[in-house]
All heavy atoms as atom14 arrays in JSON, in Angstrom:
{
  "sequence": "VGRIRSIFLYPFSFDEFLIANNEHFLLEAKQKANCSNPLHESIHDK",
  "atom14_mask": [
    [1, 1, 1, 1, 1, 1, 1, 0, 0, 0, 0, 0, 0, 0],
    [1, 1, 1, 1, 0, 0, 0, 0, 0, 0, 0, 0, 0, 0],
    [1, 1, 1, 1, 1, 1, 1, 1, 1, 1, 1, 0, 0, 0],
    [1, 1, 1, 1, 1, 1, 1, 1, 0, 0, 0, 0, 0, 0],
    [1, 1, 1, 1, 1, 1, 1, 1, 1, 1, 1, 0, 0, 0],
    [1, 1, 1, 1, 1, 1, 0, 0, 0, 0, 0, 0, 0, 0],
    [1, 1, 1, 1, 1, 1, 1, 1, 0, 0, 0, 0, 0, 0],
    [1, 1, 1, 1, 1, 1, 1, 1, 1, 1, 1, 0, 0, 0],
    [1, 1, 1, 1, 1, 1, 1, 1, 0, 0, 0, 0, 0, 0],
    [1, 1, 1, 1, 1, 1, 1, 1, 1, 1, 1, 1, 0, 0],
    [1, 1, 1, 1, 1, 1, 1, 0, 0, 0, 0, 0, 0, 0],
    [1, 1, 1, 1, 1, 1, 1, 1, 1, 1, 1, 0, 0, 0],
    [1, 1, 1, 1, 1, 1, 0, 0, 0, 0, 0, 0, 0, 0],
    [1, 1, 1, 1, 1, 1, 1, 1, 1, 1, 1, 0, 0, 0],
    [1, 1, 1, 1, 1, 1, 1, 1, 0, 0, 0, 0, 0, 0],
    [1, 1, 1, 1, 1, 1, 1, 1, 1, 0, 0, 0, 0, 0],
    [1, 1, 1, 1, 1, 1, 1, 1, 1, 1, 1, 0, 0, 0],
    [1, 1, 1, 1, 1, 1, 1, 1, 0, 0, 0, 0, 0, 0],
    [1, 1, 1, 1, 1, 1, 1, 1, 0, 0, 0, 0, 0, 0],
    [1, 1, 1, 1, 1, 0, 0, 0, 0, 0, 0, 0, 0, 0],
    [1, 1, 1, 1, 1, 1, 1, 1, 0, 0, 0, 0, 0, 0],
    [1, 1, 1, 1, 1, 1, 1, 1, 0, 0, 0, 0, 0, 0],
    [1, 1, 1, 1, 1, 1, 1, 1, 1, 0, 0, 0, 0, 0],
    [1, 1, 1, 1, 1, 1, 1, 1, 1, 1, 0, 0, 0, 0],
    [1, 1, 1, 1, 1, 1, 1, 1, 1, 1, 1, 0, 0, 0],
    [1, 1, 1, 1, 1, 1, 1, 1, 0, 0, 0, 0, 0, 0],
    [1, 1, 1, 1, 1, 1, 1, 1, 0, 0, 0, 0, 0, 0],
    [1, 1, 1, 1, 1, 1, 1, 1, 1, 0, 0, 0, 0, 0],
    [1, 1, 1, 1, 1, 0, 0, 0, 0, 0, 0, 0, 0, 0],
    [1, 1, 1, 1, 1, 1, 1, 1, 1, 0, 0, 0, 0, 0],
    [1, 1, 1, 1, 1, 1, 1, 1, 1, 0, 0, 0, 0, 0],
    [1, 1, 1, 1, 1, 1, 1, 1, 1, 0, 0, 0, 0, 0],
    [1, 1, 1, 1, 1, 0, 0, 0, 0, 0, 0, 0, 0, 0],
    [1, 1, 1, 1, 1, 1, 1, 1, 0, 0, 0, 0, 0, 0],
    [1, 1, 1, 1, 1, 1, 0, 0, 0, 0, 0, 0, 0, 0],
    [1, 1, 1, 1, 1, 1, 0, 0, 0, 0, 0, 0, 0, 0],
    [1, 1, 1, 1, 1, 1, 1, 1, 0, 0, 0, 0, 0, 0],
    [1, 1, 1, 1, 1, 1, 1, 0, 0, 0, 0, 0, 0, 0],
    [1, 1, 1, 1, 1, 1, 1, 1, 0, 0, 0, 0, 0, 0],
    [1, 1, 1, 1, 1, 1, 1, 1, 1, 1, 0, 0, 0, 0],
    [1, 1, 1, 1, 1, 1, 1, 1, 1, 0, 0, 0, 0, 0],
    [1, 1, 1, 1, 1, 1, 0, 0, 0, 0, 0, 0, 0, 0],
    [1, 1, 1, 1, 1, 1, 1, 1, 0, 0, 0, 0, 0, 0],
    [1, 1, 1, 1, 1, 1, 1, 1, 1, 1, 0, 0, 0, 0],
    [1, 1, 1, 1, 1, 1, 1, 1, 0, 0, 0, 0, 0, 0],
    [1, 1, 1, 1, 1, 1, 1, 1, 1, 0, 0, 0, 0, 0]
  ],
  "atom14_positions": [
    [[7.09, -25.67, 48.84], [6.53, -25.2, 47.58], [7.6, -25.29, 46.49], [8.67, -24.7, 46.59], [6.02, -23.76, 47.7], [5.5, -23.25, 46.36], [4.92, -23.68, 48.76], [0.0, 0.0, 0.0], [0.0, 0.0, 0.0], [0.0, 0.0, 0.0], [0.0, 0.0, 0.0], [0.0, 0.0, 0.0], [0.0, 0.0, 0.0], [0.0, 0.0, 0.0]],
    [[7.31, -26.04, 45.44], [8.23, -26.17, 44.31], [9.4, -27.1, 44.56], [10.24, -27.28, 43.67], [0.0, 0.0, 0.0], [0.0, 0.0, 0.0], [0.0, 0.0, 0.0], [0.0, 0.0, 0.0], [0.0, 0.0, 0.0], [0.0, 0.0, 0.0], [0.0, 0.0, 0.0], [0.0, 0.0, 0.0], [0.0, 0.0, 0.0], [0.0, 0.0, 0.0]],
    [[9.48, -27.71, 45.73], [10.62, -28.55, 46.07], [10.24, -30.01, 46.28], [11.12, -30.87, 46.43], [11.32, -28.03, 47.33], [11.9, -26.62, 47.16], [12.39, -26.1, 48.5], [13.01, -24.79, 48.37], [12.36, -23.64, 48.37], [11.02, -23.64, 48.5], [12.99, -22.5, 48.25], [0.0, 0.0, 0.0], [0.0, 0.0, 0.0], [0.0, 0.0, 0.0]],
    [[8.94, -30.28, 46.32], [8.45, -31.64, 46.56], [7.35, -31.94, 45.55], [6.52, -31.09, 45.24], [7.9, -31.77, 48.0], [9.03, -31.55, 49.01], [7.26, -33.14, 48.22], [8.55, -31.27, 50.39], [0.0, 0.0, 0.0], [0.0, 0.0, 0.0], [0.0, 0.0, 0.0], [0.0, 0.0, 0.0], [0.0, 0.0, 0.0], [0.0, 0.0, 0.0]],
    [[7.34, -33.16, 45.05], [6.31, -33.57, 44.09], [5.37, -34.56, 44.75], [5.82, -35.55, 45.35], [6.93, -34.18, 42.85], [5.92, -34.78, 41.87], [6.54, -35.05, 40.53], [6.93, -33.79, 39.89], [7.67, -33.72, 38.79], [8.13, -34.83, 38.23], [7.97, -32.55, 38.27], [0.0, 0.0, 0.0], [0.0, 0.0, 0.0], [0.0, 0.0, 0.0]],
    [[4.08, -34.31, 44.64], [3.07, -35.22, 45.18], [2.55, -36.13, 44.07], [2.42, -35.71, 42.92], [1.9, -34.45, 45.8], [2.28, -33.8, 46.99], [0.0, 0.0, 0.0], [0.0, 0.0, 0.0], [0.0, 0.0, 0.0], [0.0, 0.0, 0.0], [0.0, 0.0, 0.0], [0.0, 0.0, 0.0], [0.0, 0.0, 0.0], [0.0, 0.0, 0.0]],
    [[2.25, -37.37, 44.45], [1.6, -38.29, 43.53], [0.5, -39.0, 44.33], [0.69, -39.35, 45.49], [2.62, -39.3, 42.94], [1.98, -40.14, 41.84], [3.22, -40.2, 44.01], [2.98, -40.95, 41.03], [0.0, 0.0, 0.0], [0.0, 0.0, 0.0], [0.0, 0.0, 0.0], [0.0, 0.0, 0.0], [0.0, 0.0, 0.0], [0.0, 0.0, 0.0]],
    [[-0.64, -39.18, 43.71], [-1.82, -39.66, 44.44], [-2.15, -41.09, 44.04], [-2.21, -41.43, 42.85], [-3.02, -38.74, 44.15], [-2.82, -37.34, 44.69], [-2.13, -36.39, 43.96], [-3.31, -37.0, 45.94], [-1.93, -35.11, 44.45], [-3.12, -35.71, 46.44], [-2.42, -34.77, 45.69], [0.0, 0.0, 0.0], [0.0, 0.0, 0.0], [0.0, 0.0, 0.0]],
    [[-2.36, -41.93, 45.05], [-2.66, -43.34, 44.84], [-4.05, -43.65, 45.39], [-4.41, -43.23, 46.49], [-1.61, -44.21, 45.53], [-1.76, -45.73, 45.36], [-1.62, -46.13, 43.89], [-0.73, -46.48, 46.21], [0.0, 0.0, 0.0], [0.0, 0.0, 0.0], [0.0, 0.0, 0.0], [0.0, 0.0, 0.0], [0.0, 0.0, 0.0], [0.0, 0.0, 0.0]],
    [[-4.82, -44.39, 44.61], [-6.18, -44.76, 44.97], [-6.31, -46.29, 44.99], [-5.38, -47.0, 44.61], [-7.16, -44.16, 43.96], [-7.02, -42.66, 43.81], [-6.28, -42.12, 42.75], [-7.61, -41.79, 44.72], [-6.14, -40.74, 42.6], [-7.47, -40.41, 44.58], [-6.73, -39.9, 43.52], [-6.59, -38.53, 43.39], [0.0, 0.0, 0.0], [0.0, 0.0, 0.0]],
    [[-7.45, -46.82, 45.4], [-7.67, -48.26, 45.26], [-7.56, -48.68, 43.8], [-7.57, -47.84, 42.89], [-9.1, -48.45, 45.8], [-9.3, -47.3, 46.75], [-8.55, -46.15, 46.14], [0.0, 0.0, 0.0], [0.0, 0.0, 0.0], [0.0, 0.0, 0.0], [0.0, 0.0, 0.0], [0.0, 0.0, 0.0], [0.0, 0.0, 0.0], [0.0, 0.0, 0.0]],
    [[-7.46, -49.97, 43.56], [-7.33, -50.5, 42.2], [-8.42, -49.94, 41.28], [-9.59, -49.85, 41.68], [-7.45, -52.03, 42.2], [-6.17, -52.75, 42.47], [-5.55, -52.68, 43.71], [-5.57, -53.51, 41.47], [-4.37, -53.35, 43.97], [-4.38, -54.19, 41.72], [-3.78, -54.1, 42.96], [0.0, 0.0, 0.0], [0.0, 0.0, 0.0], [0.0, 0.0, 0.0]],
    [[-8.03, -49.6, 40.07], [-9.01, -49.26, 39.03], [-9.46, -50.55, 38.35], [-8.88, -51.63, 38.58], [-8.38, -48.33, 37.99], [-7.35, -49.01, 37.28], [0.0, 0.0, 0.0], [0.0, 0.0, 0.0], [0.0, 0.0, 0.0], [0.0, 0.0, 0.0], [0.0, 0.0, 0.0], [0.0, 0.0, 0.0], [0.0, 0.0, 0.0], [0.0, 0.0, 0.0]],
    [[-10.47, -50.45, 37.5], [-10.94, -51.65, 36.8], [-9.86, -52.2, 35.87], [-9.69, -53.42, 35.77], [-12.22, -51.34, 36.01], [-12.78, -52.54, 35.29], [-13.28, -53.62, 35.99], [-12.78, -52.59, 33.9], [-13.78, -54.74, 35.34], [-13.29, -53.7, 33.24], [-13.79, -54.78, 33.96], [0.0, 0.0, 0.0], [0.0, 0.0, 0.0], [0.0, 0.0, 0.0]],
    [[-9.11, -51.32, 35.19], [-8.03, -51.79, 34.32], [-6.97, -52.53, 35.13], [-6.45, -53.56, 34.7], [-7.39, -50.6, 33.6], [-8.26, -50.08, 32.46], [-9.37, -50.62, 32.27], [-7.84, -49.13, 31.77], [0.0, 0.0, 0.0], [0.0, 0.0, 0.0], [0.0, 0.0, 0.0], [0.0, 0.0, 0.0], [0.0, 0.0, 0.0], [0.0, 0.0, 0.0]],
    [[-6.63, -52.02, 36.31], [-5.66, -52.7, 37.17], [-6.2, -54.05, 37.63], [-5.44, -55.01, 37.79], [-5.31, -51.81, 38.36], [-4.48, -50.58, 38.0], [-4.23, -49.69, 39.2], [-5.18, -49.46, 39.99], [-3.1, -49.19, 39.35], [0.0, 0.0, 0.0], [0.0, 0.0, 0.0], [0.0, 0.0, 0.0], [0.0, 0.0, 0.0], [0.0, 0.0, 0.0]],
    [[-7.5, -54.11, 37.86], [-8.14, -55.37, 38.25], [-8.01, -56.41, 37.14], [-7.74, -57.59, 37.4], [-9.61, -55.11, 38.58], [-10.41, -56.35, 38.92], [-10.12, -57.08, 40.05], [-11.46, -56.74, 38.11], [-10.85, -58.22, 40.38], [-12.21, -57.87, 38.42], [-11.9, -58.61, 39.56], [0.0, 0.0, 0.0], [0.0, 0.0, 0.0], [0.0, 0.0, 0.0]],
    [[-8.17, -55.99, 35.89], [-8.01, -56.91, 34.76], [-6.58, -57.44, 34.69], [-6.34, -58.63, 34.46], [-8.38, -56.21, 33.45], [-9.86, -55.85, 33.26], [-10.05, -55.14, 31.91], [-10.75, -57.08, 33.34], [0.0, 0.0, 0.0], [0.0, 0.0, 0.0], [0.0, 0.0, 0.0], [0.0, 0.0, 0.0], [0.0, 0.0, 0.0], [0.0, 0.0, 0.0]],
    [[-5.61, -56.54, 34.9], [-4.2, -56.96, 34.88], [-3.92, -57.94, 36.02], [-3.24, -58.94, 35.84], [-3.27, -55.73, 35.0], [-3.4, -54.86, 33.75], [-1.82, -56.16, 35.18], [-2.67, -53.54, 33.84], [0.0, 0.0, 0.0], [0.0, 0.0, 0.0], [0.0, 0.0, 0.0], [0.0, 0.0, 0.0], [0.0, 0.0, 0.0], [0.0, 0.0, 0.0]],
    [[-4.48, -57.66, 37.2], [-4.29, -58.55, 38.35], [-4.83, -59.95, 38.06], [-4.29, -60.95, 38.55], [-4.98, -57.97, 39.59], [0.0, 0.0, 0.0], [0.0, 0.0, 0.0], [0.0, 0.0, 0.0], [0.0, 0.0, 0.0], [0.0, 0.0, 0.0], [0.0, 0.0, 0.0], [0.0, 0.0, 0.0], [0.0, 0.0, 0.0], [0.0, 0.0, 0.0]],
    [[-5.89, -60.03, 37.25], [-6.48, -61.31, 36.88], [-5.81, -61.92, 35.65], [-6.32, -62.9, 35.09], [-7.98, -61.13, 36.61], [-8.8, -61.09, 37.88], [-9.2, -62.12, 38.42], [-9.05, -59.88, 38.37], [0.0, 0.0, 0.0], [0.0, 0.0, 0.0], [0.0, 0.0, 0.0], [0.0, 0.0, 0.0], [0.0, 0.0, 0.0], [0.0, 0.0, 0.0]],
    [[-4.7, -61.32, 35.23], [-3.95, -61.8, 34.07], [-4.78, -61.75, 32.78], [-4.56, -62.55, 31.86], [-3.44, -63.23, 34.32], [-2.24, -63.57, 33.46], [-1.46, -62.7, 33.08], [-2.09, -64.84, 33.12], [0.0, 0.0, 0.0], [0.0, 0.0, 0.0], [0.0, 0.0, 0.0], [0.0, 0.0, 0.0], [0.0, 0.0, 0.0], [0.0, 0.0, 0.0]],
    [[-5.7, -60.81, 32.72], [-6.56, -60.65, 31.53], [-5.96, -59.57, 30.61], [-6.62, -58.59, 30.25], [-7.98, -60.27, 31.95], [-8.73, -61.35, 32.68], [-9.22, -62.46, 31.73], [-8.97, -62.35, 30.51], [-9.84, -63.42, 32.22], [0.0, 0.0, 0.0], [0.0, 0.0, 0.0], [0.0, 0.0, 0.0], [0.0, 0.0, 0.0], [0.0, 0.0, 0.0]],
    [[-4.71, -59.78, 30.21], [-4.01, -58.79, 29.39], [-4.63, -58.66, 27.99], [-4.74, -57.55, 27.46], [-2.53, -59.15, 29.28], [-1.82, -59.17, 30.6], [-1.42, -58.03, 31.24], [-1.46, -60.2, 31.41], [-0.82, -58.33, 32.38], [-0.84, -59.65, 32.51], [0.0, 0.0, 0.0], [0.0, 0.0, 0.0], [0.0, 0.0, 0.0], [0.0, 0.0, 0.0]],
    [[-5.03, -59.76, 27.4], [-5.63, -59.72, 26.07], [-6.99, -59.03, 26.12], [-7.37, -58.28, 25.2], [-5.77, -61.12, 25.48], [-4.45, -61.76, 25.15], [-4.04, -62.91, 25.8], [-3.61, -61.21, 24.19], [-2.82, -63.5, 25.51], [-2.39, -61.8, 23.88], [-1.99, -62.95, 24.53], [0.0, 0.0, 0.0], [0.0, 0.0, 0.0], [0.0, 0.0, 0.0]],
    [[-7.73, -59.29, 27.2], [-9.04, -58.66, 27.37], [-8.88, -57.15, 27.52], [-9.63, -56.36, 26.92], [-9.75, -59.25, 28.59], [-11.19, -58.8, 28.83], [-12.09, -59.22, 27.67], [-11.71, -59.38, 30.15], [0.0, 0.0, 0.0], [0.0, 0.0, 0.0], [0.0, 0.0, 0.0], [0.0, 0.0, 0.0], [0.0, 0.0, 0.0], [0.0, 0.0, 0.0]],
    [[-7.89, -56.74, 28.31], [-7.63, -55.31, 28.49], [-7.21, -54.66, 27.19], [-7.66, -53.56, 26.85], [-6.55, -55.11, 29.56], [-6.09, -53.66, 29.79], [-7.25, -52.78, 30.22], [-4.96, -53.61, 30.82], [0.0, 0.0, 0.0], [0.0, 0.0, 0.0], [0.0, 0.0, 0.0], [0.0, 0.0, 0.0], [0.0, 0.0, 0.0], [0.0, 0.0, 0.0]],
    [[-6.36, -55.34, 26.44], [-5.89, -54.79, 25.17], [-7.05, -54.62, 24.19], [-7.14, -53.6, 23.49], [-4.83, -55.72, 24.56], [-4.21, -55.18, 23.28], [-3.13, -56.1, 22.73], [-2.8, -57.11, 23.41], [-2.62, -55.83, 21.63], [0.0, 0.0, 0.0], [0.0, 0.0, 0.0], [0.0, 0.0, 0.0], [0.0, 0.0, 0.0], [0.0, 0.0, 0.0]],
    [[-7.94, -55.59, 24.17], [-9.11, -55.49, 23.29], [-9.99, -54.32, 23.7], [-10.51, -53.57, 22.86], [-9.91, -56.8, 23.33], [0.0, 0.0, 0.0], [0.0, 0.0, 0.0], [0.0, 0.0, 0.0], [0.0, 0.0, 0.0], [0.0, 0.0, 0.0], [0.0, 0.0, 0.0], [0.0, 0.0, 0.0], [0.0, 0.0, 0.0], [0.0, 0.0, 0.0]],
    [[-10.18, -54.17, 24.99], [-10.99, -53.05, 25.49], [-10.37, -51.71, 25.12], [-11.05, -50.78, 24.69], [-11.14, -53.15, 27.02], [-11.98, -52.05, 27.63], [-12.03, -52.14, 29.13], [-10.84, -51.51, 29.8], [-10.85, -50.03, 29.7], [0.0, 0.0, 0.0], [0.0, 0.0, 0.0], [0.0, 0.0, 0.0], [0.0, 0.0, 0.0], [0.0, 0.0, 0.0]],
    [[-9.06, -51.59, 25.29], [-8.38, -50.33, 25.01], [-8.44, -49.94, 23.54], [-8.41, -48.76, 23.2], [-6.91, -50.42, 25.47], [-6.75, -50.48, 26.98], [-5.33, -50.74, 27.42], [-4.56, -51.37, 26.69], [-4.96, -50.27, 28.61], [0.0, 0.0, 0.0], [0.0, 0.0, 0.0], [0.0, 0.0, 0.0], [0.0, 0.0, 0.0], [0.0, 0.0, 0.0]],
    [[-8.54, -50.93, 22.65], [-8.6, -50.65, 21.21], [-10.0, -50.25, 20.75], [-10.17, -49.66, 19.68], [-8.13, -51.87, 20.41], [-6.63, -52.15, 20.53], [-6.25, -53.38, 19.72], [-4.76, -53.66, 19.79], [-4.38, -54.88, 19.03], [0.0, 0.0, 0.0], [0.0, 0.0, 0.0], [0.0, 0.0, 0.0], [0.0, 0.0, 0.0], [0.0, 0.0, 0.0]],
    [[-11.01, -50.62, 21.54], [-12.39, -50.36, 21.14], [-12.73, -48.88, 21.3], [-12.17, -48.18, 22.15], [-13.34, -51.22, 21.96], [0.0, 0.0, 0.0], [0.0, 0.0, 0.0], [0.0, 0.0, 0.0], [0.0, 0.0, 0.0], [0.0, 0.0, 0.0], [0.0, 0.0, 0.0], [0.0, 0.0, 0.0], [0.0, 0.0, 0.0], [0.0, 0.0, 0.0]],
    [[-13.67, -48.41, 20.49], [-14.17, -47.05, 20.61], [-15.58, -46.99, 20.03], [-16.14, -48.01, 19.61], [-13.25, -46.04, 19.93], [-12.97, -46.38, 18.48], [-13.88, -46.63, 17.71], [-11.69, -46.41, 18.12], [0.0, 0.0, 0.0], [0.0, 0.0, 0.0], [0.0, 0.0, 0.0], [0.0, 0.0, 0.0], [0.0, 0.0, 0.0], [0.0, 0.0, 0.0]],
    [[-16.15, -45.81, 19.98], [-17.55, -45.67, 19.59], [-17.81, -46.08, 18.15], [-18.93, -46.44, 17.79], [-18.01, -44.24, 19.81], [-17.98, -43.75, 21.56], [0.0, 0.0, 0.0], [0.0, 0.0, 0.0], [0.0, 0.0, 0.0], [0.0, 0.0, 0.0], [0.0, 0.0, 0.0], [0.0, 0.0, 0.0], [0.0, 0.0, 0.0], [0.0, 0.0, 0.0]],
    [[-16.81, -46.01, 17.31], [-16.96, -46.44, 15.92], [-16.4, -47.84, 15.68], [-16.48, -48.38, 14.59], [-16.26, -45.45, 14.98], [-14.88, -45.32, 15.31], [0.0, 0.0, 0.0], [0.0, 0.0, 0.0], [0.0, 0.0, 0.0], [0.0, 0.0, 0.0], [0.0, 0.0, 0.0], [0.0, 0.0, 0.0], [0.0, 0.0, 0.0], [0.0, 0.0, 0.0]],
    [[-15.83, -48.43, 16.73], [-15.25, -49.77, 16.63], [-15.61, -50.57, 17.88], [-14.77, -50.8, 18.75], [-13.72, -49.66, 16.48], [-13.05, -51.02, 16.36], [-13.6, -51.94, 15.77], [-11.85, -51.14, 16.95], [0.0, 0.0, 0.0], [0.0, 0.0, 0.0], [0.0, 0.0, 0.0], [0.0, 0.0, 0.0], [0.0, 0.0, 0.0], [0.0, 0.0, 0.0]],
    [[-16.86, -51.01, 17.99], [-17.31, -51.72, 19.2], [-16.69, -53.1, 19.34], [-16.14, -53.65, 18.38], [-18.83, -51.81, 19.0], [-19.01, -51.76, 17.52], [-17.93, -50.86, 17.0], [0.0, 0.0, 0.0], [0.0, 0.0, 0.0], [0.0, 0.0, 0.0], [0.0, 0.0, 0.0], [0.0, 0.0, 0.0], [0.0, 0.0, 0.0], [0.0, 0.0, 0.0]],
    [[-16.79, -53.64, 20.53], [-16.28, -54.97, 20.8], [-17.23, -56.05, 20.28], [-18.44, -55.81, 20.12], [-16.09, -55.16, 22.31], [-14.95, -54.38, 22.98], [-15.14, -54.38, 24.48], [-13.61, -54.99, 22.62], [0.0, 0.0, 0.0], [0.0, 0.0, 0.0], [0.0, 0.0, 0.0], [0.0, 0.0, 0.0], [0.0, 0.0, 0.0], [0.0, 0.0, 0.0]],
    [[-16.69, -57.24, 20.05], [-17.54, -58.4, 19.78], [-18.39, -58.64, 21.03], [-17.92, -58.48, 22.16], [-16.69, -59.63, 19.46], [-17.49, -60.8, 18.99], [-18.17, -61.63, 19.84], [-17.71, -61.26, 17.72], [-18.78, -62.57, 19.14], [-18.51, -62.37, 17.84], [0.0, 0.0, 0.0], [0.0, 0.0, 0.0], [0.0, 0.0, 0.0], [0.0, 0.0, 0.0]],
    [[-19.64, -59.01, 20.84], [-20.56, -59.13, 21.96], [-20.08, -60.11, 23.02], [-20.32, -59.91, 24.22], [-21.95, -59.54, 21.46], [-22.74, -58.41, 20.84], [-22.95, -57.23, 21.79], [-23.27, -57.48, 22.99], [-22.78, -56.09, 21.37], [0.0, 0.0, 0.0], [0.0, 0.0, 0.0], [0.0, 0.0, 0.0], [0.0, 0.0, 0.0], [0.0, 0.0, 0.0]],
    [[-19.41, -61.17, 22.63], [-18.92, -62.15, 23.61], [-17.84, -61.53, 24.5], [-17.78, -61.81, 25.71], [-18.38, -63.39, 22.9], [-17.3, -63.06, 22.05], [0.0, 0.0, 0.0], [0.0, 0.0, 0.0], [0.0, 0.0, 0.0], [0.0, 0.0, 0.0], [0.0, 0.0, 0.0], [0.0, 0.0, 0.0], [0.0, 0.0, 0.0], [0.0, 0.0, 0.0]],
    [[-17.0, -60.67, 23.92], [-15.96, -59.99, 24.71], [-16.61, -58.95, 25.61], [-16.23, -58.81, 26.78], [-14.93, -59.35, 23.77], [-14.21, -60.43, 22.96], [-13.91, -58.53, 24.58], [-13.24, -59.88, 21.93], [0.0, 0.0, 0.0], [0.0, 0.0, 0.0], [0.0, 0.0, 0.0], [0.0, 0.0, 0.0], [0.0, 0.0, 0.0], [0.0, 0.0, 0.0]],
    [[-17.6, -58.26, 25.07], [-18.34, -57.28, 25.87], [-19.0, -57.95, 27.08], [-18.93, -57.45, 28.21], [-19.4, -56.6, 24.99], [-20.38, -55.76, 25.74], [-20.05, -54.55, 26.32], [-21.7, -55.96, 26.03], [-21.12, -54.04, 26.91], [-22.12, -54.88, 26.75], [0.0, 0.0, 0.0], [0.0, 0.0, 0.0], [0.0, 0.0, 0.0], [0.0, 0.0, 0.0]],
    [[-19.61, -59.11, 26.86], [-20.28, -59.84, 27.94], [-19.28, -60.28, 29.02], [-19.59, -60.25, 30.22], [-21.0, -61.07, 27.39], [-22.21, -60.69, 26.53], [-22.67, -59.54, 26.63], [-22.67, -61.55, 25.75], [0.0, 0.0, 0.0], [0.0, 0.0, 0.0], [0.0, 0.0, 0.0], [0.0, 0.0, 0.0], [0.0, 0.0, 0.0], [0.0, 0.0, 0.0]],
    [[-18.09, -60.69, 28.59], [-17.08, -61.1, 29.56], [-16.64, -59.91, 30.41], [-16.45, -60.04, 31.63], [-15.86, -61.7, 28.84], [-14.79, -62.19, 29.81], [-13.64, -62.9, 29.09], [-12.59, -63.38, 30.1], [-11.47, -64.1, 29.43], [0.0, 0.0, 0.0], [0.0, 0.0, 0.0], [0.0, 0.0, 0.0], [0.0, 0.0, 0.0], [0.0, 0.0, 0.0]]
  ]
}
């Protein structure tokens, strides 16, 4: 108790999957989007 730190690892998330596919620009575009700033439909479809 208080002497050890736990960290939890799960299977790949969708964001990690995008990085694994070298889709860094796609991930960056997704991260910038929000409810008042939607994505271009072609990017959304991808």
